[in-house]
Amino acid sequence: MSARSIPYTLTGTVSLEGSGGRTHLVAESGEGMREPIDYPIEGLRAQEDSINFSFAPIGFRLQGRCISSDRLEGRFAVPHPPYDSIVGDWQARRKSGANE
C-alpha cells in the first residue's frame, strides 16, 4: 500500500478468514519510522467482486475489488488527526498454495 501525497507505505500480509482475519503489516514513513500494524480485521464485507474492511484502533479502511481470480486492488484511508486522512492505493495477491 502506498499513500498518494506523502511518503507512507504499508507492506506485509493480510489473512482473511471467514468474517474477519488479521493484518501482519509494517508501516513506514518518509522519515524512516517503522511501526508494526498487527491487528484483527473488523467489519469485513465481501459482495460480488468488492471487498471492504477496517482494522487497528486508528481505523484503517480499505475498499477494493477483484481484478482476477488471485488479485485485488483498491484504495485505503487512514485518519491522521488533526490533519487530513492519509489516502492511497493498494494491491494484493493470493498467496501461492492458498485454496480460497
C-alpha atoms as a PDB file:
ATOM      1  CA  MET A   1       0.000   0.000   0.000  1.00  0.00           C
ATOM      2  CA  SER A   2       1.321   3.439  -0.880  1.00  0.00           C
ATOM      3  CA  ALA A   3      -0.015   6.868   0.053  1.00  0.00           C
ATOM      4  CA  ARG A   4      -0.654   9.342  -2.735  1.00  0.00           C
ATOM      5  CA  SER A   5       0.503  12.651  -1.245  1.00  0.00           C
ATOM      6  CA  ILE A   6       3.105  11.769   1.392  1.00  0.00           C
ATOM      7  CA  PRO A   7       5.834   9.117   1.718  1.00  0.00           C
ATOM      8  CA  TYR A   8       3.954   6.391   3.621  1.00  0.00           C
ATOM      9  CA  THR A   9       3.870   2.691   2.781  1.00  0.00           C
ATOM     10  CA  LEU A  10       2.492  -0.497   4.287  1.00  0.00           C
ATOM     11  CA  THR A  11       3.976  -3.877   3.445  1.00  0.00           C
ATOM     12  CA  GLY A  12       3.202  -7.371   4.658  1.00  0.00           C
ATOM     13  CA  THR A  13       0.268  -9.746   4.582  1.00  0.00           C
ATOM     14  CA  VAL A  14      -3.437  -9.711   5.347  1.00  0.00           C
ATOM     15  CA  SER A  15      -5.086 -13.040   6.219  1.00  0.00           C
ATOM     16  CA  LEU A  16      -8.826 -13.151   5.503  1.00  0.00           C
ATOM     17  CA  GLU A  17     -10.707 -15.895   7.312  1.00  0.00           C
ATOM     18  CA  GLY A  18     -14.473 -16.241   7.491  1.00  0.00           C
ATOM     19  CA  SER A  19     -15.923 -12.964   8.718  1.00  0.00           C
ATOM     20  CA  GLY A  20     -12.565 -11.476   9.762  1.00  0.00           C
ATOM     21  CA  GLY A  21      -8.864 -12.170   9.708  1.00  0.00           C
ATOM     22  CA  ARG A  22      -5.669 -10.418  10.771  1.00  0.00           C
ATOM     23  CA  THR A  23      -3.120  -7.950   9.418  1.00  0.00           C
ATOM     24  CA  HIS A  24       0.620  -8.560   9.574  1.00  0.00           C
ATOM     25  CA  LEU A  25       1.898  -5.263   8.185  1.00  0.00           C
ATOM     26  CA  VAL A  26       4.673  -2.741   8.755  1.00  0.00           C
ATOM     27  CA  ALA A  27       4.005   0.965   8.155  1.00  0.00           C
ATOM     28  CA  GLU A  28       6.954   3.127   7.120  1.00  0.00           C
ATOM     29  CA  SER A  29       7.001   6.922   6.928  1.00  0.00           C
ATOM     30  CA  GLY A  30       9.211   9.064   4.729  1.00  0.00           C
ATOM     31  CA  GLU A  31      11.378   9.762   7.773  1.00  0.00           C
ATOM     32  CA  GLY A  32      12.117   6.046   8.123  1.00  0.00           C
ATOM     33  CA  MET A  33       9.882   5.489  11.159  1.00  0.00           C
ATOM     34  CA  ARG A  34       8.557   1.916  11.171  1.00  0.00           C
ATOM     35  CA  GLU A  35       5.514   0.654  13.068  1.00  0.00           C
ATOM     36  CA  PRO A  36       4.052  -2.863  13.190  1.00  0.00           C
ATOM     37  CA  ILE A  37       0.364  -2.969  12.251  1.00  0.00           C
ATOM     38  CA  ASP A  38      -0.735  -6.350  13.612  1.00  0.00           C
ATOM     39  CA  TYR A  39      -4.470  -6.229  14.336  1.00  0.00           C
ATOM     40  CA  PRO A  40      -7.621  -8.261  13.844  1.00  0.00           C
ATOM     41  CA  ILE A  41      -9.764  -7.264  10.869  1.00  0.00           C
ATOM     42  CA  GLU A  42     -13.102  -5.704  11.725  1.00  0.00           C
ATOM     43  CA  GLY A  43     -16.153  -5.176   9.556  1.00  0.00           C
ATOM     44  CA  LEU A  44     -15.112  -7.473   6.705  1.00  0.00           C
ATOM     45  CA  ARG A  45     -17.700  -7.276   3.955  1.00  0.00           C
ATOM     46  CA  ALA A  46     -17.428  -9.026   0.598  1.00  0.00           C
ATOM     47  CA  GLN A  47     -20.114  -8.545  -2.026  1.00  0.00           C
ATOM     48  CA  GLU A  48     -19.831  -9.841  -5.590  1.00  0.00           C
ATOM     49  CA  ASP A  49     -16.408  -8.564  -6.747  1.00  0.00           C
ATOM     50  CA  SER A  50     -15.961  -5.943  -3.978  1.00  0.00           C
ATOM     51  CA  ILE A  51     -14.336  -6.107  -0.544  1.00  0.00           C
ATOM     52  CA  ASN A  52     -14.363  -3.616   2.339  1.00  0.00           C
ATOM     53  CA  PHE A  53     -12.753  -3.929   5.760  1.00  0.00           C
ATOM     54  CA  SER A  54     -11.138  -1.954   8.554  1.00  0.00           C
ATOM     55  CA  PHE A  55      -8.514  -2.660  11.204  1.00  0.00           C
ATOM     56  CA  ALA A  56      -6.469  -1.087  14.018  1.00  0.00           C
ATOM     57  CA  PRO A  57      -7.732   1.263  16.694  1.00  0.00           C
ATOM     58  CA  ILE A  58      -6.991   4.274  14.474  1.00  0.00           C
ATOM     59  CA  GLY A  59      -9.418   2.938  11.845  1.00  0.00           C
ATOM     60  CA  PHE A  60      -7.561   1.961   8.665  1.00  0.00           C
ATOM     61  CA  ARG A  61     -10.243   1.465   5.979  1.00  0.00           C
ATOM     62  CA  LEU A  62      -9.729  -0.475   2.764  1.00  0.00           C
ATOM     63  CA  GLN A  63     -12.074  -0.738  -0.197  1.00  0.00           C
ATOM     64  CA  GLY A  64     -11.267  -2.793  -3.239  1.00  0.00           C
ATOM     65  CA  ARG A  65     -12.361  -5.141  -5.955  1.00  0.00           C
ATOM     66  CA  CYS A  66     -11.279  -8.345  -7.630  1.00  0.00           C
ATOM     67  CA  ILE A  67      -9.158  -7.802 -10.718  1.00  0.00           C
ATOM     68  CA  SER A  68      -8.637 -11.518 -11.375  1.00  0.00           C
ATOM     69  CA  SER A  69      -9.113 -14.800  -9.522  1.00  0.00           C
ATOM     70  CA  ASP A  70      -5.955 -14.158  -7.469  1.00  0.00           C
ATOM     71  CA  ARG A  71      -5.605 -10.352  -7.364  1.00  0.00           C
ATOM     72  CA  LEU A  72      -7.348  -7.448  -5.574  1.00  0.00           C
ATOM     73  CA  GLU A  73      -6.717  -3.733  -5.739  1.00  0.00           C
ATOM     74  CA  GLY A  74      -8.294  -0.631  -4.279  1.00  0.00           C
ATOM     75  CA  ARG A  75      -7.956   2.426  -2.086  1.00  0.00           C
ATOM     76  CA  PHE A  76      -7.221   2.930   1.594  1.00  0.00           C
ATOM     77  CA  ALA A  77      -7.724   5.750   4.096  1.00  0.00           C
ATOM     78  CA  VAL A  78      -6.077   6.274   7.480  1.00  0.00           C
ATOM     79  CA  PRO A  79      -7.269   9.010   9.870  1.00  0.00           C
ATOM     80  CA  HIS A  80      -4.399  11.391  10.683  1.00  0.00           C
ATOM     81  CA  PRO A  81      -5.812  13.988  13.110  1.00  0.00           C
ATOM     82  CA  PRO A  82      -5.523  16.928  13.212  1.00  0.00           C
ATOM     83  CA  TYR A  83      -4.554  16.694   9.523  1.00  0.00           C
ATOM     84  CA  ASP A  84      -6.418  15.244   6.562  1.00  0.00           C
ATOM     85  CA  SER A  85      -6.592  11.465   6.269  1.00  0.00           C
ATOM     86  CA  ILE A  86      -3.761   9.647   4.540  1.00  0.00           C
ATOM     87  CA  VAL A  87      -5.180   8.101   1.366  1.00  0.00           C
ATOM     88  CA  GLY A  88      -3.571   5.793  -1.130  1.00  0.00           C
ATOM     89  CA  ASP A  89      -3.788   2.717  -3.284  1.00  0.00           C
ATOM     90  CA  TRP A  90      -3.211  -0.949  -2.524  1.00  0.00           C
ATOM     91  CA  GLN A  91      -2.808  -4.243  -4.357  1.00  0.00           C
ATOM     92  CA  ALA A  92      -2.886  -7.784  -3.033  1.00  0.00           C
ATOM     93  CA  ARG A  93      -2.248 -11.225  -4.465  1.00  0.00           C
ATOM     94  CA  ARG A  94      -3.372 -14.583  -3.169  1.00  0.00           C
ATOM     95  CA  LYS A  95      -0.513 -16.479  -1.558  1.00  0.00           C
ATOM     96  CA  SER A  96       0.740 -19.442  -3.527  1.00  0.00           C
ATOM     97  CA  GLY A  97      -0.961 -22.594  -2.283  1.00  0.00           C
ATOM     98  CA  ALA A  98      -3.977 -20.736  -0.827  1.00  0.00           C
ATOM     99  CA  ASN A  99      -7.129 -22.655  -1.564  1.00  0.00           C
ATOM    100  CA  GLU A 100      -9.737 -19.896  -1.252  1.00  0.00           C
END
